Full PDB file with SEQRES, HELIX, SHEET, SSBOND, CRYST1, ORIGX, SCALE, CONECT and MASTER records, all heavy atoms in Angstrom:
SEQRES   1 A   43  GLY HIS LEU ALA LEU GLN TYR ALA ARG ILE PHE GLY ALA          
SEQRES   2 A   43  GLU THR ILE ALA VAL ASP VAL THR ASP ASP LYS LEU ALA          
SEQRES   3 A   43  LEU ALA ARG GLU LEU GLY ALA ASP HIS VAL LEU ASP ALA          
SEQRES   4 A   43  ARG THR GLN ASP                                              
HELIX    1 AA1 HIS A    2  ILE A   10  1                                   9    
HELIX    2 AA2 ASP A   22  GLU A   30  1                                   9    
SHEET    1 AA1 2 ILE A  16  ASP A  19  0                                        
SHEET    2 AA1 2 HIS A  35  ASP A  38  1                                        
CRYST1    1.000    1.000    1.000  90.00  90.00  90.00 P 1           1          
ORIGX1      1.000000  0.000000  0.000000        0.00000                         
ORIGX2      0.000000  1.000000  0.000000        0.00000                         
ORIGX3      0.000000  0.000000  1.000000        0.00000                         
SCALE1      1.000000  0.000000  0.000000        0.00000                         
SCALE2      0.000000  1.000000  0.000000        0.00000                         
SCALE3      0.000000  0.000000  1.000000        0.00000                         
ATOM      1  N   GLY A   1     -21.888  41.296  -3.271  1.00  0.00           N  
ATOM      2  CA  GLY A   1     -21.379  42.585  -2.817  1.00  0.00           C  
ATOM      3  C   GLY A   1     -21.441  42.792  -1.321  1.00  0.00           C  
ATOM      4  O   GLY A   1     -20.550  43.425  -0.734  1.00  0.00           O  
ATOM      5  N   HIS A   2     -22.490  42.255  -0.668  1.00  0.00           N  
ATOM      6  CA  HIS A   2     -22.569  42.461   0.784  1.00  0.00           C  
ATOM      7  C   HIS A   2     -21.448  41.711   1.497  1.00  0.00           C  
ATOM      8  O   HIS A   2     -20.990  42.141   2.567  1.00  0.00           O  
ATOM      9  CB  HIS A   2     -23.954  42.077   1.313  1.00  0.00           C  
ATOM     10  CG  HIS A   2     -24.146  40.638   1.671  1.00  0.00           C  
ATOM     11  ND1 HIS A   2     -24.314  39.654   0.721  1.00  0.00           N  
ATOM     12  CD2 HIS A   2     -24.187  40.017   2.891  1.00  0.00           C  
ATOM     13  CE1 HIS A   2     -24.482  38.491   1.343  1.00  0.00           C  
ATOM     14  NE2 HIS A   2     -24.399  38.678   2.645  1.00  0.00           N  
ATOM     15  N   LEU A   3     -20.967  40.630   0.888  1.00  0.00           N  
ATOM     16  CA  LEU A   3     -19.818  39.926   1.449  1.00  0.00           C  
ATOM     17  C   LEU A   3     -18.509  40.594   1.057  1.00  0.00           C  
ATOM     18  O   LEU A   3     -17.589  40.714   1.875  1.00  0.00           O  
ATOM     19  CB  LEU A   3     -19.833  38.463   1.001  1.00  0.00           C  
ATOM     20  CG  LEU A   3     -20.941  37.625   1.657  1.00  0.00           C  
ATOM     21  CD1 LEU A   3     -21.173  36.335   0.900  1.00  0.00           C  
ATOM     22  CD2 LEU A   3     -20.611  37.341   3.124  1.00  0.00           C  
ATOM     23  N   ALA A   4     -18.418  41.066  -0.187  1.00  0.00           N  
ATOM     24  CA  ALA A   4     -17.214  41.786  -0.625  1.00  0.00           C  
ATOM     25  C   ALA A   4     -16.950  42.989   0.271  1.00  0.00           C  
ATOM     26  O   ALA A   4     -15.798  43.277   0.635  1.00  0.00           O  
ATOM     27  CB  ALA A   4     -17.363  42.229  -2.072  1.00  0.00           C  
ATOM     28  N   LEU A   5     -18.006  43.706   0.623  1.00  0.00           N  
ATOM     29  CA  LEU A   5     -17.865  44.876   1.493  1.00  0.00           C  
ATOM     30  C   LEU A   5     -17.285  44.462   2.850  1.00  0.00           C  
ATOM     31  O   LEU A   5     -16.388  45.138   3.390  1.00  0.00           O  
ATOM     32  CB  LEU A   5     -19.235  45.536   1.661  1.00  0.00           C  
ATOM     33  CG  LEU A   5     -19.315  46.785   2.523  1.00  0.00           C  
ATOM     34  CD1 LEU A   5     -18.392  47.878   1.984  1.00  0.00           C  
ATOM     35  CD2 LEU A   5     -20.758  47.286   2.582  1.00  0.00           C  
ATOM     36  N   GLN A   6     -17.748  43.335   3.370  1.00  0.00           N  
ATOM     37  CA  GLN A   6     -17.237  42.873   4.664  1.00  0.00           C  
ATOM     38  C   GLN A   6     -15.781  42.432   4.563  1.00  0.00           C  
ATOM     39  O   GLN A   6     -14.977  42.711   5.465  1.00  0.00           O  
ATOM     40  CB  GLN A   6     -18.113  41.729   5.174  1.00  0.00           C  
ATOM     41  CG  GLN A   6     -19.539  42.166   5.503  1.00  0.00           C  
ATOM     42  CD  GLN A   6     -20.412  40.998   5.914  1.00  0.00           C  
ATOM     43  OE1 GLN A   6     -20.235  40.423   6.997  1.00  0.00           O  
ATOM     44  NE2 GLN A   6     -21.368  40.637   5.068  1.00  0.00           N  
ATOM     45  N   TYR A   7     -15.407  41.781   3.461  1.00  0.00           N  
ATOM     46  CA  TYR A   7     -14.007  41.367   3.310  1.00  0.00           C  
ATOM     47  C   TYR A   7     -13.108  42.590   3.146  1.00  0.00           C  
ATOM     48  O   TYR A   7     -11.987  42.612   3.677  1.00  0.00           O  
ATOM     49  CB  TYR A   7     -13.852  40.427   2.125  1.00  0.00           C  
ATOM     50  CG  TYR A   7     -14.538  39.086   2.322  1.00  0.00           C  
ATOM     51  CD1 TYR A   7     -15.393  38.572   1.361  1.00  0.00           C  
ATOM     52  CD2 TYR A   7     -14.337  38.354   3.487  1.00  0.00           C  
ATOM     53  CE1 TYR A   7     -16.037  37.352   1.555  1.00  0.00           C  
ATOM     54  CE2 TYR A   7     -14.976  37.137   3.691  1.00  0.00           C  
ATOM     55  CZ  TYR A   7     -15.827  36.647   2.722  1.00  0.00           C  
ATOM     56  OH  TYR A   7     -16.457  35.451   2.920  1.00  0.00           O  
ATOM     57  N   ALA A   8     -13.573  43.596   2.427  1.00  0.00           N  
ATOM     58  CA  ALA A   8     -12.765  44.804   2.269  1.00  0.00           C  
ATOM     59  C   ALA A   8     -12.499  45.450   3.625  1.00  0.00           C  
ATOM     60  O   ALA A   8     -11.398  45.946   3.888  1.00  0.00           O  
ATOM     61  CB  ALA A   8     -13.473  45.792   1.336  1.00  0.00           C  
ATOM     62  N   ARG A   9     -13.490  45.422   4.496  1.00  0.00           N  
ATOM     63  CA  ARG A   9     -13.303  45.973   5.842  1.00  0.00           C  
ATOM     64  C   ARG A   9     -12.350  45.099   6.655  1.00  0.00           C  
ATOM     65  O   ARG A   9     -11.520  45.604   7.419  1.00  0.00           O  
ATOM     66  CB  ARG A   9     -14.652  46.102   6.553  1.00  0.00           C  
ATOM     67  CG  ARG A   9     -15.609  47.071   5.856  1.00  0.00           C  
ATOM     68  CD  ARG A   9     -16.888  47.289   6.647  1.00  0.00           C  
ATOM     69  NE  ARG A   9     -16.629  48.127   7.808  1.00  0.00           N  
ATOM     70  CZ  ARG A   9     -17.018  47.833   9.041  1.00  0.00           C  
ATOM     71  NH1 ARG A   9     -17.655  46.701   9.289  1.00  0.00           N  
ATOM     72  NH2 ARG A   9     -16.760  48.657  10.040  1.00  0.00           N  
ATOM     73  N   ILE A  10     -12.452  43.771   6.500  1.00  0.00           N  
ATOM     74  CA  ILE A  10     -11.525  42.862   7.191  1.00  0.00           C  
ATOM     75  C   ILE A  10     -10.091  43.136   6.748  1.00  0.00           C  
ATOM     76  O   ILE A  10      -9.154  43.096   7.560  1.00  0.00           O  
ATOM     77  CB  ILE A  10     -11.919  41.399   6.917  1.00  0.00           C  
ATOM     78  CG1 ILE A  10     -13.213  41.050   7.650  1.00  0.00           C  
ATOM     79  CG2 ILE A  10     -10.800  40.443   7.337  1.00  0.00           C  
ATOM     80  CD1 ILE A  10     -13.806  39.704   7.262  1.00  0.00           C  
ATOM     81  N   PHE A  11      -9.914  43.447   5.454  1.00  0.00           N  
ATOM     82  CA  PHE A  11      -8.583  43.741   4.924  1.00  0.00           C  
ATOM     83  C   PHE A  11      -8.069  45.101   5.373  1.00  0.00           C  
ATOM     84  O   PHE A  11      -6.925  45.447   5.104  1.00  0.00           O  
ATOM     85  CB  PHE A  11      -8.610  43.693   3.398  1.00  0.00           C  
ATOM     86  CG  PHE A  11      -8.624  42.294   2.813  1.00  0.00           C  
ATOM     87  CD1 PHE A  11      -9.212  41.237   3.470  1.00  0.00           C  
ATOM     88  CD2 PHE A  11      -8.060  42.056   1.581  1.00  0.00           C  
ATOM     89  CE1 PHE A  11      -9.238  39.963   2.942  1.00  0.00           C  
ATOM     90  CE2 PHE A  11      -8.070  40.785   1.018  1.00  0.00           C  
ATOM     91  CZ  PHE A  11      -8.659  39.733   1.710  1.00  0.00           C  
ATOM     92  N   GLY A  12      -8.914  45.882   6.030  1.00  0.00           N  
ATOM     93  CA  GLY A  12      -8.488  47.162   6.574  1.00  0.00           C  
ATOM     94  C   GLY A  12      -8.662  48.347   5.655  1.00  0.00           C  
ATOM     95  O   GLY A  12      -8.133  49.428   5.924  1.00  0.00           O  
ATOM     96  N   ALA A  13      -9.419  48.178   4.573  1.00  0.00           N  
ATOM     97  CA  ALA A  13      -9.565  49.251   3.588  1.00  0.00           C  
ATOM     98  C   ALA A  13     -10.679  50.230   3.960  1.00  0.00           C  
ATOM     99  O   ALA A  13     -11.623  49.881   4.674  1.00  0.00           O  
ATOM    100  CB  ALA A  13      -9.858  48.657   2.214  1.00  0.00           C  
ATOM    101  N   GLU A  14     -10.548  51.444   3.453  1.00  0.00           N  
ATOM    102  CA  GLU A  14     -11.644  52.410   3.459  1.00  0.00           C  
ATOM    103  C   GLU A  14     -12.607  51.975   2.353  1.00  0.00           C  
ATOM    104  O   GLU A  14     -12.187  51.714   1.228  1.00  0.00           O  
ATOM    105  CB  GLU A  14     -11.103  53.807   3.171  1.00  0.00           C  
ATOM    106  CG  GLU A  14     -12.161  54.899   3.085  1.00  0.00           C  
ATOM    107  CD  GLU A  14     -11.557  56.245   2.710  1.00  0.00           C  
ATOM    108  OE1 GLU A  14     -10.304  56.361   2.709  1.00  0.00           O  
ATOM    109  OE2 GLU A  14     -12.321  57.172   2.405  1.00  0.00           O  
ATOM    110  N   THR A  15     -13.900  51.860   2.662  1.00  0.00           N  
ATOM    111  CA  THR A  15     -14.826  51.232   1.727  1.00  0.00           C  
ATOM    112  C   THR A  15     -15.824  52.208   1.120  1.00  0.00           C  
ATOM    113  O   THR A  15     -16.334  53.103   1.802  1.00  0.00           O  
ATOM    114  CB  THR A  15     -15.594  50.093   2.413  1.00  0.00           C  
ATOM    115  OG1 THR A  15     -16.222  50.598   3.602  1.00  0.00           O  
ATOM    116  CG2 THR A  15     -14.655  48.954   2.776  1.00  0.00           C  
ATOM    117  N   ILE A  16     -16.089  51.991  -0.165  1.00  0.00           N  
ATOM    118  CA  ILE A  16     -17.080  52.765  -0.908  1.00  0.00           C  
ATOM    119  C   ILE A  16     -18.065  51.775  -1.515  1.00  0.00           C  
ATOM    120  O   ILE A  16     -17.677  50.900  -2.292  1.00  0.00           O  
ATOM    121  CB  ILE A  16     -16.431  53.588  -2.032  1.00  0.00           C  
ATOM    122  CG1 ILE A  16     -15.290  54.449  -1.497  1.00  0.00           C  
ATOM    123  CG2 ILE A  16     -17.475  54.443  -2.747  1.00  0.00           C  
ATOM    124  CD1 ILE A  16     -14.382  54.992  -2.587  1.00  0.00           C  
ATOM    125  N   ALA A  17     -19.335  51.879  -1.148  1.00  0.00           N  
ATOM    126  CA  ALA A  17     -20.367  50.980  -1.656  1.00  0.00           C  
ATOM    127  C   ALA A  17     -21.217  51.718  -2.683  1.00  0.00           C  
ATOM    128  O   ALA A  17     -21.615  52.868  -2.461  1.00  0.00           O  
ATOM    129  CB  ALA A  17     -21.238  50.477  -0.518  1.00  0.00           C  
ATOM    130  N   VAL A  18     -21.506  51.042  -3.794  1.00  0.00           N  
ATOM    131  CA  VAL A  18     -22.302  51.645  -4.869  1.00  0.00           C  
ATOM    132  C   VAL A  18     -23.452  50.709  -5.226  1.00  0.00           C  
ATOM    133  O   VAL A  18     -23.254  49.504  -5.399  1.00  0.00           O  
ATOM    134  CB  VAL A  18     -21.452  51.893  -6.128  1.00  0.00           C  
ATOM    135  CG1 VAL A  18     -22.284  52.542  -7.221  1.00  0.00           C  
ATOM    136  CG2 VAL A  18     -20.244  52.756  -5.802  1.00  0.00           C  
ATOM    137  N   ASP A  19     -24.647  51.262  -5.336  1.00  0.00           N  
ATOM    138  CA  ASP A  19     -25.788  50.473  -5.796  1.00  0.00           C  
ATOM    139  C   ASP A  19     -26.850  51.419  -6.358  1.00  0.00           C  
ATOM    140  O   ASP A  19     -26.643  52.642  -6.400  1.00  0.00           O  
ATOM    141  CB  ASP A  19     -26.361  49.607  -4.670  1.00  0.00           C  
ATOM    142  CG  ASP A  19     -27.005  48.332  -5.203  1.00  0.00           C  
ATOM    143  OD1 ASP A  19     -28.134  48.417  -5.755  1.00  0.00           O  
ATOM    144  OD2 ASP A  19     -26.378  47.262  -5.118  1.00  0.00           O  
ATOM    145  N   VAL A  20     -27.958  50.819  -6.806  1.00  0.00           N  
ATOM    146  CA  VAL A  20     -29.018  51.606  -7.444  1.00  0.00           C  
ATOM    147  C   VAL A  20     -30.383  51.341  -6.813  1.00  0.00           C  
ATOM    148  O   VAL A  20     -31.404  51.740  -7.359  1.00  0.00           O  
ATOM    149  CB  VAL A  20     -29.093  51.319  -8.958  1.00  0.00           C  
ATOM    150  CG1 VAL A  20     -27.844  51.820  -9.667  1.00  0.00           C  
ATOM    151  CG2 VAL A  20     -29.322  49.841  -9.243  1.00  0.00           C  
ATOM    152  N   THR A  21     -30.418  50.654  -5.667  1.00  0.00           N  
ATOM    153  CA  THR A  21     -31.684  50.414  -4.988  1.00  0.00           C  
ATOM    154  C   THR A  21     -31.578  50.864  -3.544  1.00  0.00           C  
ATOM    155  O   THR A  21     -30.526  50.739  -2.906  1.00  0.00           O  
ATOM    156  CB  THR A  21     -32.093  48.926  -5.028  1.00  0.00           C  
ATOM    157  OG1 THR A  21     -31.127  48.153  -4.314  1.00  0.00           O  
ATOM    158  CG2 THR A  21     -32.176  48.425  -6.465  1.00  0.00           C  
ATOM    159  N   ASP A  22     -32.688  51.364  -3.011  1.00  0.00           N  
ATOM    160  CA  ASP A  22     -32.682  51.916  -1.659  1.00  0.00           C  
ATOM    161  C   ASP A  22     -32.323  50.865  -0.613  1.00  0.00           C  
ATOM    162  O   ASP A  22     -31.580  51.148   0.331  1.00  0.00           O  
ATOM    163  CB  ASP A  22     -34.054  52.515  -1.330  1.00  0.00           C  
ATOM    164  CG  ASP A  22     -34.370  53.745  -2.187  1.00  0.00           C  
ATOM    165  OD1 ASP A  22     -33.425  54.370  -2.699  1.00  0.00           O  
ATOM    166  OD2 ASP A  22     -35.573  54.065  -2.343  1.00  0.00           O  
ATOM    167  N   ASP A  23     -32.858  49.624  -0.775  1.00  0.00           N  
ATOM    168  CA  ASP A  23     -32.597  48.617   0.253  1.00  0.00           C  
ATOM    169  C   ASP A  23     -31.139  48.185   0.271  1.00  0.00           C  
ATOM    170  O   ASP A  23     -30.557  47.944   1.336  1.00  0.00           O  
ATOM    171  CB  ASP A  23     -33.527  47.409   0.076  1.00  0.00           C  
ATOM    172  CG  ASP A  23     -33.379  46.740  -1.277  1.00  0.00           C  
ATOM    173  OD1 ASP A  23     -32.934  47.407  -2.226  1.00  0.00           O  
ATOM    174  OD2 ASP A  23     -33.722  45.545  -1.377  1.00  0.00           O  
ATOM    175  N   LYS A  24     -30.499  48.107  -0.918  1.00  0.00           N  
ATOM    176  CA  LYS A  24     -29.082  47.720  -0.952  1.00  0.00           C  
ATOM    177  C   LYS A  24     -28.196  48.838  -0.400  1.00  0.00           C  
ATOM    178  O   LYS A  24     -27.180  48.569   0.256  1.00  0.00           O  
ATOM    179  CB  LYS A  24     -28.668  47.373  -2.385  1.00  0.00           C  
ATOM    180  CG  LYS A  24     -29.508  46.296  -3.050  1.00  0.00           C  
ATOM    181  CD  LYS A  24     -29.279  44.942  -2.431  1.00  0.00           C  
ATOM    182  CE  LYS A  24     -30.191  43.882  -3.045  1.00  0.00           C  
ATOM    183  NZ  LYS A  24     -30.055  43.761  -4.483  1.00  0.00           N  
ATOM    184  N   LEU A  25     -28.566  50.075  -0.654  1.00  0.00           N  
ATOM    185  CA  LEU A  25     -27.804  51.194  -0.100  1.00  0.00           C  
ATOM    186  C   LEU A  25     -27.925  51.212   1.421  1.00  0.00           C  
ATOM    187  O   LEU A  25     -26.951  51.471   2.134  1.00  0.00           O  
ATOM    188  CB  LEU A  25     -28.301  52.508  -0.704  1.00  0.00           C  
ATOM    189  CG  LEU A  25     -28.082  52.661  -2.222  1.00  0.00           C  
ATOM    190  CD1 LEU A  25     -28.850  53.857  -2.756  1.00  0.00           C  
ATOM    191  CD2 LEU A  25     -26.596  52.799  -2.539  1.00  0.00           C  
ATOM    192  N   ALA A  26     -29.139  50.902   1.918  1.00  0.00           N  
ATOM    193  CA  ALA A  26     -29.342  50.827   3.366  1.00  0.00           C  
ATOM    194  C   ALA A  26     -28.538  49.678   3.959  1.00  0.00           C  
ATOM    195  O   ALA A  26     -27.956  49.803   5.051  1.00  0.00           O  
ATOM    196  CB  ALA A  26     -30.825  50.659   3.680  1.00  0.00           C  
ATOM    197  N   LEU A  27     -28.478  48.549   3.241  1.00  0.00           N  
ATOM    198  CA  LEU A  27     -27.701  47.409   3.711  1.00  0.00           C  
ATOM    199  C   LEU A  27     -26.219  47.767   3.800  1.00  0.00           C  
ATOM    200  O   LEU A  27     -25.535  47.388   4.760  1.00  0.00           O  
ATOM    201  CB  LEU A  27     -27.907  46.221   2.770  1.00  0.00           C  
ATOM    202  CG  LEU A  27     -27.097  44.954   3.078  1.00  0.00           C  
ATOM    203  CD1 LEU A  27     -27.414  44.428   4.477  1.00  0.00           C  
ATOM    204  CD2 LEU A  27     -27.364  43.886   2.022  1.00  0.00           C  
ATOM    205  N   ALA A  28     -25.718  48.509   2.805  1.00  0.00           N  
ATOM    206  CA  ALA A  28     -24.318  48.923   2.820  1.00  0.00           C  
ATOM    207  C   ALA A  28     -24.011  49.766   4.058  1.00  0.00           C  
ATOM    208  O   ALA A  28     -22.971  49.591   4.709  1.00  0.00           O  
ATOM    209  CB  ALA A  28     -23.986  49.700   1.550  1.00  0.00           C  
ATOM    210  N   ARG A  29     -24.925  50.663   4.384  1.00  0.00           N  
ATOM    211  CA  ARG A  29     -24.715  51.483   5.584  1.00  0.00           C  
ATOM    212  C   ARG A  29     -24.738  50.606   6.835  1.00  0.00           C  
ATOM    213  O   ARG A  29     -23.920  50.774   7.745  1.00  0.00           O  
ATOM    214  CB  ARG A  29     -25.790  52.559   5.669  1.00  0.00           C  
ATOM    215  CG  ARG A  29     -25.737  53.594   4.542  1.00  0.00           C  
ATOM    216  CD  ARG A  29     -26.734  54.727   4.750  1.00  0.00           C  
ATOM    217  NE  ARG A  29     -26.724  55.647   3.621  1.00  0.00           N  
ATOM    218  CZ  ARG A  29     -27.544  55.572   2.590  1.00  0.00           C  
ATOM    219  NH1 ARG A  29     -28.474  54.607   2.548  1.00  0.00           N  
ATOM    220  NH2 ARG A  29     -27.462  56.432   1.603  1.00  0.00           N  
ATOM    221  N   GLU A  30     -25.675  49.655   6.877  1.00  0.00           N  
ATOM    222  CA  GLU A  30     -25.788  48.757   8.032  1.00  0.00           C  
ATOM    223  C   GLU A  30     -24.522  47.935   8.231  1.00  0.00           C  
ATOM    224  O   GLU A  30     -24.118  47.651   9.366  1.00  0.00           O  
ATOM    225  CB  GLU A  30     -26.989  47.830   7.823  1.00  0.00           C  
ATOM    226  CG  GLU A  30     -27.238  46.849   8.948  1.00  0.00           C  
ATOM    227  CD  GLU A  30     -28.371  45.879   8.638  1.00  0.00           C  
ATOM    228  OE1 GLU A  30     -29.177  46.163   7.727  1.00  0.00           O  
ATOM    229  OE2 GLU A  30     -28.423  44.821   9.288  1.00  0.00           O  
ATOM    230  N   LEU A  31     -23.872  47.566   7.110  1.00  0.00           N  
ATOM    231  CA  LEU A  31     -22.673  46.746   7.181  1.00  0.00           C  
ATOM    232  C   LEU A  31     -21.399  47.567   7.402  1.00  0.00           C  
ATOM    233  O   LEU A  31     -20.301  47.015   7.435  1.00  0.00           O  
ATOM    234  CB  LEU A  31     -22.536  45.904   5.904  1.00  0.00           C  
ATOM    235  CG  LEU A  31     -23.604  44.819   5.727  1.00  0.00           C  
ATOM    236  CD1 LEU A  31     -23.490  44.175   4.351  1.00  0.00           C  
ATOM    237  CD2 LEU A  31     -23.501  43.763   6.822  1.00  0.00           C  
ATOM    238  N   GLY A  32     -21.549  48.889   7.517  1.00  0.00           N  
ATOM    239  CA  GLY A  32     -20.422  49.713   7.911  1.00  0.00           C  
ATOM    240  C   GLY A  32     -19.617  50.344   6.798  1.00  0.00           C  
ATOM    241  O   GLY A  32     -18.464  50.736   7.015  1.00  0.00           O  
ATOM    242  N   ALA A  33     -20.195  50.477   5.595  1.00  0.00           N  
ATOM    243  CA  ALA A  33     -19.469  51.136   4.507  1.00  0.00           C  
ATOM    244  C   ALA A  33     -19.103  52.561   4.913  1.00  0.00           C  
ATOM    245  O   ALA A  33     -19.909  53.278   5.507  1.00  0.00           O  
ATOM    246  CB  ALA A  33     -20.309  51.146   3.237  1.00  0.00           C  
ATOM    247  N   ASP A  34     -17.888  52.974   4.568  1.00  0.00           N  
ATOM    248  CA  ASP A  34     -17.447  54.335   4.911  1.00  0.00           C  
ATOM    249  C   ASP A  34     -18.125  55.379   4.031  1.00  0.00           C  
ATOM    250  O   ASP A  34     -18.370  56.506   4.482  1.00  0.00           O  
ATOM    251  CB  ASP A  34     -15.923  54.431   4.759  1.00  0.00           C  
ATOM    252  CG  ASP A  34     -15.199  53.536   5.740  1.00  0.00           C  
ATOM    253  OD1 ASP A  34     -15.388  53.725   6.963  1.00  0.00           O  
ATOM    254  OD2 ASP A  34     -14.465  52.641   5.302  1.00  0.00           O  
ATOM    255  N   HIS A  35     -18.403  55.025   2.796  1.00  0.00           N  
ATOM    256  CA  HIS A  35     -19.083  55.927   1.862  1.00  0.00           C  
ATOM    257  C   HIS A  35     -20.105  55.110   1.088  1.00  0.00           C  
ATOM    258  O   HIS A  35     -19.824  53.977   0.673  1.00  0.00           O  
ATOM    259  CB  HIS A  35     -18.089  56.561   0.874  1.00  0.00           C  
ATOM    260  CG  HIS A  35     -16.869  57.138   1.531  1.00  0.00           C  
ATOM    261  ND1 HIS A  35     -16.845  58.389   2.105  1.00  0.00           N  
ATOM    262  CD2 HIS A  35     -15.617  56.615   1.707  1.00  0.00           C  
ATOM    263  CE1 HIS A  35     -15.643  58.626   2.605  1.00  0.00           C  
ATOM    264  NE2 HIS A  35     -14.880  57.564   2.375  1.00  0.00           N  
ATOM    265  N   VAL A  36     -21.289  55.667   0.866  1.00  0.00           N  
ATOM    266  CA  VAL A  36     -22.349  54.983   0.131  1.00  0.00           C  
ATOM    267  C   VAL A  36     -22.821  55.893  -0.995  1.00  0.00           C  
ATOM    268  O   VAL A  36     -23.206  57.042  -0.760  1.00  0.00           O  
ATOM    269  CB  VAL A  36     -23.533  54.625   1.056  1.00  0.00           C  
ATOM    270  CG1 VAL A  36     -24.647  53.960   0.264  1.00  0.00           C  
ATOM    271  CG2 VAL A  36     -23.071  53.712   2.182  1.00  0.00           C  
ATOM    272  N   LEU A  37     -22.756  55.387  -2.233  1.00  0.00           N  
ATOM    273  CA  LEU A  37     -23.110  56.186  -3.408  1.00  0.00           C  
ATOM    274  C   LEU A  37     -24.280  55.553  -4.144  1.00  0.00           C  
ATOM    275  O   LEU A  37     -24.319  54.338  -4.361  1.00  0.00           O  
ATOM    276  CB  LEU A  37     -21.910  56.294  -4.352  1.00  0.00           C  
ATOM    277  CG  LEU A  37     -20.652  56.955  -3.792  1.00  0.00           C  
ATOM    278  CD1 LEU A  37     -19.543  56.955  -4.841  1.00  0.00           C  
ATOM    279  CD2 LEU A  37     -20.945  58.383  -3.326  1.00  0.00           C  
ATOM    280  N   ASP A  38     -25.221  56.408  -4.540  1.00  0.00           N  
ATOM    281  CA  ASP A  38     -26.393  55.999  -5.315  1.00  0.00           C  
ATOM    282  C   ASP A  38     -26.125  56.318  -6.780  1.00  0.00           C  
ATOM    283  O   ASP A  38     -26.112  57.491  -7.177  1.00  0.00           O  
ATOM    284  CB  ASP A  38     -27.626  56.751  -4.811  1.00  0.00           C  
ATOM    285  CG  ASP A  38     -28.913  56.294  -5.471  1.00  0.00           C  
ATOM    286  OD1 ASP A  38     -28.849  55.660  -6.545  1.00  0.00           O  
ATOM    287  OD2 ASP A  38     -29.992  56.587  -4.920  1.00  0.00           O  
ATOM    288  N   ALA A  39     -25.883  55.284  -7.582  1.00  0.00           N  
ATOM    289  CA  ALA A  39     -25.520  55.501  -8.985  1.00  0.00           C  
ATOM    290  C   ALA A  39     -26.666  56.061  -9.811  1.00  0.00           C  
ATOM    291  O   ALA A  39     -26.458  56.512 -10.935  1.00  0.00           O  
ATOM    292  CB  ALA A  39     -25.029  54.184  -9.601  1.00  0.00           C  
ATOM    293  N   ARG A  40     -27.883  56.063  -9.268  1.00  0.00           N  
ATOM    294  CA  ARG A  40     -29.015  56.653  -9.987  1.00  0.00           C  
ATOM    295  C   ARG A  40     -28.933  58.172 -10.005  1.00  0.00           C  
ATOM    296  O   ARG A  40     -29.370  58.818 -10.966  1.00  0.00           O  
ATOM    297  CB  ARG A  40     -30.343  56.238  -9.334  1.00  0.00           C  
ATOM    298  CG  ARG A  40     -30.652  54.764  -9.381  1.00  0.00           C  
ATOM    299  CD  ARG A  40     -31.840  54.429  -8.491  1.00  0.00           C  
ATOM    300  NE  ARG A  40     -31.577  54.742  -7.079  1.00  0.00           N  
ATOM    301  CZ  ARG A  40     -32.416  54.455  -6.083  1.00  0.00           C  
ATOM    302  NH1 ARG A  40     -33.563  53.838  -6.351  1.00  0.00           N  
ATOM    303  NH2 ARG A  40     -32.109  54.766  -4.836  1.00  0.00           N  
ATOM    304  N   THR A  41     -28.388  58.738  -8.942  1.00  0.00           N  
ATOM    305  CA  THR A  41     -28.413  60.190  -8.791  1.00  0.00           C  
ATOM    306  C   THR A  41     -27.034  60.822  -8.686  1.00  0.00           C  
ATOM    307  O   THR A  41     -26.921  62.048  -8.695  1.00  0.00           O  
ATOM    308  CB  THR A  41     -29.218  60.574  -7.530  1.00  0.00           C  
ATOM    309  OG1 THR A  41     -28.605  59.964  -6.381  1.00  0.00           O  
ATOM    310  CG2 THR A  41     -30.661  60.085  -7.645  1.00  0.00           C  
ATOM    311  N   GLN A  42     -25.997  59.999  -8.561  1.00  0.00           N  
ATOM    312  CA  GLN A  42     -24.652  60.537  -8.387  1.00  0.00           C  
ATOM    313  C   GLN A  42     -23.724  60.038  -9.489  1.00  0.00           C  
ATOM    314  O   GLN A  42     -23.878  58.918  -9.990  1.00  0.00           O  
ATOM    315  CB  GLN A  42     -24.089  60.134  -7.017  1.00  0.00           C  
ATOM    316  CG  GLN A  42     -24.832  60.737  -5.836  1.00  0.00           C  
ATOM    317  CD  GLN A  42     -24.347  60.182  -4.510  1.00  0.00           C  
ATOM    318  OE1 GLN A  42     -24.716  59.064  -4.131  1.00  0.00           O  
ATOM    319  NE2 GLN A  42     -23.520  60.950  -3.788  1.00  0.00           N  
ATOM    320  N   ASP A  43     -22.777  60.885  -9.856  1.00  0.00           N  
ATOM    321  CA  ASP A  43     -21.723  60.495 -10.793  1.00  0.00           C  
ATOM    322  C   ASP A  43     -20.665  59.752  -9.982  1.00  0.00           C  
ATOM    323  O   ASP A  43     -19.853  60.361  -9.289  1.00  0.00           O  
ATOM    324  CB  ASP A  43     -21.137  61.745 -11.457  1.00  0.00           C  
ATOM    325  CG  ASP A  43     -20.079  61.412 -12.507  1.00  0.00           C  
ATOM    326  OD1 ASP A  43     -19.387  60.385 -12.356  1.00  0.00           O  
ATOM    327  OD2 ASP A  43     -19.933  62.198 -13.464  1.00  0.00           O  
TER     328      ASP A  43                                                      
MASTER        0    0    0    2    2    0    0    6  327    1    0    4          
END                                                                             
C-alpha cells in the first residue's frame, strides 16, 4: 500500500489512504496522501 499510494500520486490522482493502525496512518500522511481514513473509527 505504501507503494500503491505513491504510484497513485505519480498518476496524478487525488489519493485516499485507509488503514487500521496508527503507524500506517502516519506513514500515509508522510507520503502525501490527500485524505487519511481510520477504518477503526470511521465509516
